[in-house]
C-alpha atoms as a PDB file:
ATOM      1  CA  MET A   1     -90.076  73.387  61.069  1.00  0.00           C
ATOM      2  CA  ARG A   2     -89.196  75.246  64.242  1.00  0.00           C
ATOM      3  CA  THR A   3     -86.567  74.108  66.740  1.00  0.00           C
ATOM      4  CA  GLU A   4     -86.830  75.166  70.362  1.00  0.00           C
ATOM      5  CA  THR A   5     -84.220  74.962  73.052  1.00  0.00           C
ATOM      6  CA  ILE A   6     -85.085  74.630  76.708  1.00  0.00           C
ATOM      7  CA  ALA A   7     -82.463  75.517  79.266  1.00  0.00           C
ATOM      8  CA  ASN A   8     -82.738  75.581  83.017  1.00  0.00           C
ATOM      9  CA  GLU A   9     -80.347  77.960  84.766  1.00  0.00           C
ATOM     10  CA  HIS A  10     -79.863  75.421  87.571  1.00  0.00           C
ATOM     11  CA  SER A  11     -79.086  72.507  85.276  1.00  0.00           C
ATOM     12  CA  PRO A  12     -76.235  71.947  82.848  1.00  0.00           C
ATOM     13  CA  THR A  13     -78.615  70.007  80.591  1.00  0.00           C
ATOM     14  CA  THR A  14     -80.070  71.676  77.518  1.00  0.00           C
ATOM     15  CA  LEU A  15     -82.818  69.944  75.559  1.00  0.00           C
ATOM     16  CA  ALA A  16     -83.481  70.664  71.902  1.00  0.00           C
ATOM     17  CA  PHE A  17     -86.496  69.331  70.081  1.00  0.00           C
ATOM     18  CA  GLU A  18     -88.341  70.004  66.880  1.00  0.00           C
ATOM     19  CA  VAL A  19     -91.884  71.344  66.948  1.00  0.00           C
ATOM     20  CA  ALA A  20     -93.706  69.948  63.935  1.00  0.00           C
ATOM     21  CA  PRO A  21     -97.398  70.090  63.198  1.00  0.00           C
ATOM     22  CA  ARG A  22     -98.736  66.554  63.170  1.00  0.00           C
ATOM     23  CA  SER A  23    -102.181  67.348  61.848  1.00  0.00           C
ATOM     24  CA  PRO A  24    -102.469  66.573  58.126  1.00  0.00           C
ATOM     25  CA  TRP A  25    -105.680  68.631  58.033  1.00  0.00           C
ATOM     26  CA  ARG A  26    -103.944  71.864  59.066  1.00  0.00           C
ATOM     27  CA  VAL A  27    -104.639  74.444  56.340  1.00  0.00           C
ATOM     28  CA  THR A  28    -101.466  75.991  54.935  1.00  0.00           C
ATOM     29  CA  GLU A  29    -102.964  78.196  52.193  1.00  0.00           C
ATOM     30  CA  VAL A  30    -106.324  79.831  51.556  1.00  0.00           C
ATOM     31  CA  GLU A  31    -107.493  82.049  48.720  1.00  0.00           C
ATOM     32  CA  ALA A  32    -110.886  83.738  48.371  1.00  0.00           C
ATOM     33  CA  LEU A  33    -112.469  83.218  44.954  1.00  0.00           C
ATOM     34  CA  PRO A  34    -115.550  84.764  43.324  1.00  0.00           C
ATOM     35  CA  GLY A  35    -118.911  83.272  44.221  1.00  0.00           C
ATOM     36  CA  PHE A  36    -118.134  82.759  47.923  1.00  0.00           C
ATOM     37  CA  ARG A  37    -115.673  79.973  47.245  1.00  0.00           C
ATOM     38  CA  LEU A  38    -112.242  79.250  48.695  1.00  0.00           C
ATOM     39  CA  ARG A  39    -109.226  77.421  47.342  1.00  0.00           C
ATOM     40  CA  VAL A  40    -107.400  75.645  50.179  1.00  0.00           C
ATOM     41  CA  ALA A  41    -104.230  73.583  50.628  1.00  0.00           C
ATOM     42  CA  PHE A  42    -103.423  71.356  53.590  1.00  0.00           C
ATOM     43  CA  ALA A  43    -100.232  70.314  55.359  1.00  0.00           C
ATOM     44  CA  ASP A  44    -100.362  66.852  53.756  1.00  0.00           C
ATOM     45  CA  GLY A  45    -100.491  68.309  50.220  1.00  0.00           C
ATOM     46  CA  LEU A  46    -104.224  67.849  49.649  1.00  0.00           C
ATOM     47  CA  THR A  47    -105.862  70.759  47.812  1.00  0.00           C
ATOM     48  CA  GLY A  48    -109.478  71.534  47.043  1.00  0.00           C
ATOM     49  CA  MET A  49    -112.370  73.946  47.069  1.00  0.00           C
ATOM     50  CA  VAL A  50    -114.821  75.110  49.725  1.00  0.00           C
ATOM     51  CA  ASP A  51    -118.144  76.403  48.412  1.00  0.00           C
ATOM     52  CA  LEU A  52    -119.962  78.627  50.907  1.00  0.00           C
ATOM     53  CA  SER A  53    -122.368  80.200  48.383  1.00  0.00           C
ATOM     54  CA  ARG A  54    -125.502  78.409  49.582  1.00  0.00           C
ATOM     55  CA  MET A  55    -124.712  78.730  53.269  1.00  0.00           C
ATOM     56  CA  VAL A  56    -124.033  82.477  53.366  1.00  0.00           C
ATOM     57  CA  ARG A  57    -127.380  83.153  51.680  1.00  0.00           C
ATOM     58  CA  SER A  58    -129.358  80.616  53.697  1.00  0.00           C
ATOM     59  CA  PRO A  59    -131.882  81.724  56.351  1.00  0.00           C
ATOM     60  CA  LYS A  60    -130.092  79.220  58.612  1.00  0.00           C
ATOM     61  CA  ALA A  61    -126.638  80.771  58.080  1.00  0.00           C
ATOM     62  CA  GLY A  62    -126.554  82.230  61.583  1.00  0.00           C
ATOM     63  CA  VAL A  63    -123.275  84.043  62.241  1.00  0.00           C
ATOM     64  CA  PHE A  64    -122.006  83.042  58.800  1.00  0.00           C
ATOM     65  CA  ALA A  65    -124.617  85.308  57.147  1.00  0.00           C
ATOM     66  CA  ALA A  66    -122.102  88.137  57.650  1.00  0.00           C
ATOM     67  CA  LEU A  67    -119.905  86.463  55.020  1.00  0.00           C
ATOM     68  CA  ALA A  68    -122.480  87.332  52.342  1.00  0.00           C
ATOM     69  CA  ASP A  69    -120.701  90.703  52.292  1.00  0.00           C
ATOM     70  CA  PRO A  70    -118.031  90.164  49.599  1.00  0.00           C
ATOM     71  CA  SER A  71    -115.619  92.588  51.268  1.00  0.00           C
ATOM     72  CA  LEU A  72    -115.755  90.603  54.527  1.00  0.00           C
ATOM     73  CA  PHE A  73    -115.512  87.278  52.701  1.00  0.00           C
ATOM     74  CA  ALA A  74    -112.350  88.515  50.968  1.00  0.00           C
ATOM     75  CA  GLN A  75    -110.714  89.084  54.394  1.00  0.00           C
ATOM     76  CA  VAL A  76    -110.243  85.326  54.847  1.00  0.00           C
ATOM     77  CA  ARG A  77    -107.026  84.378  56.641  1.00  0.00           C
ATOM     78  CA  LEU A  78    -105.366  81.498  58.447  1.00  0.00           C
ATOM     79  CA  ASP A  79    -105.286  81.284  62.232  1.00  0.00           C
ATOM     80  CA  TYR A  80    -103.222  78.367  63.526  1.00  0.00           C
ATOM     81  CA  GLY A  81    -104.119  76.186  60.551  1.00  0.00           C
ATOM     82  CA  ALA A  82    -107.815  77.066  60.442  1.00  0.00           C
ATOM     83  CA  VAL A  83    -109.631  79.226  57.892  1.00  0.00           C
ATOM     84  CA  SER A  84    -111.072  82.277  59.643  1.00  0.00           C
ATOM     85  CA  TRP A  85    -112.498  85.756  59.210  1.00  0.00           C
ATOM     86  CA  PRO A  86    -112.761  88.820  61.451  1.00  0.00           C
ATOM     87  CA  GLY A  87    -115.472  88.456  64.071  1.00  0.00           C
ATOM     88  CA  GLU A  88    -114.226  85.060  65.272  1.00  0.00           C
ATOM     89  CA  LEU A  89    -115.746  83.185  62.325  1.00  0.00           C
ATOM     90  CA  ASP A  90    -113.918  80.001  61.377  1.00  0.00           C
ATOM     91  CA  LEU A  91    -114.332  76.646  59.686  1.00  0.00           C
ATOM     92  CA  ALA A  92    -113.391  73.255  61.114  1.00  0.00           C
ATOM     93  CA  PRO A  93    -110.245  72.234  59.219  1.00  0.00           C
ATOM     94  CA  ASP A  94    -110.622  68.521  60.009  1.00  0.00           C
ATOM     95  CA  ALA A  95    -114.156  68.370  58.562  1.00  0.00           C
ATOM     96  CA  MET A  96    -113.004  70.419  55.573  1.00  0.00           C
ATOM     97  CA  HIS A  97    -110.104  68.029  54.933  1.00  0.00           C
ATOM     98  CA  ALA A  98    -112.314  64.939  55.165  1.00  0.00           C
ATOM     99  CA  ALA A  99    -114.909  66.332  52.737  1.00  0.00           C
ATOM    100  CA  ILE A 100    -112.295  67.511  50.226  1.00  0.00           C
ATOM    101  CA  GLN A 101    -110.460  64.208  50.449  1.00  0.00           C
ATOM    102  CA  GLU A 102    -113.681  62.394  49.550  1.00  0.00           C
ATOM    103  CA  HIS A 103    -115.324  64.833  47.082  1.00  0.00           C
ATOM    104  CA  ALA A 104    -112.635  67.438  46.101  1.00  0.00           C
ATOM    105  CA  VAL A 105    -115.153  70.132  47.155  1.00  0.00           C
ATOM    106  CA  TRP A 106    -116.710  70.911  50.527  1.00  0.00           C
ATOM    107  CA  SER A 107    -120.129  72.469  49.937  1.00  0.00           C
ATOM    108  CA  LEU A 108    -121.844  73.989  52.926  1.00  0.00           C
END
């Protein structure tokens, strides 16, 4: 957890407050697995799998078709609690969390 201090040079008052993520669906860990799958962990401790194998090969994949390249898929990273890849590709962490909470796997 990060603590920030705000001070105003014209005021003797200094405020300190903690900045804590309040979103339980914020992704804290992601790992690319074979077969266009991901292992993910969330801020609330929930863990699960994301299966993108059908989507990346689908004619309706759109921009996500680029992820059919295993070397690009392996470049998965976290940006502010969301799973993302180069080229501004990302997945909605709240939808991912809801699906994994219900089914343990989010298949797209």
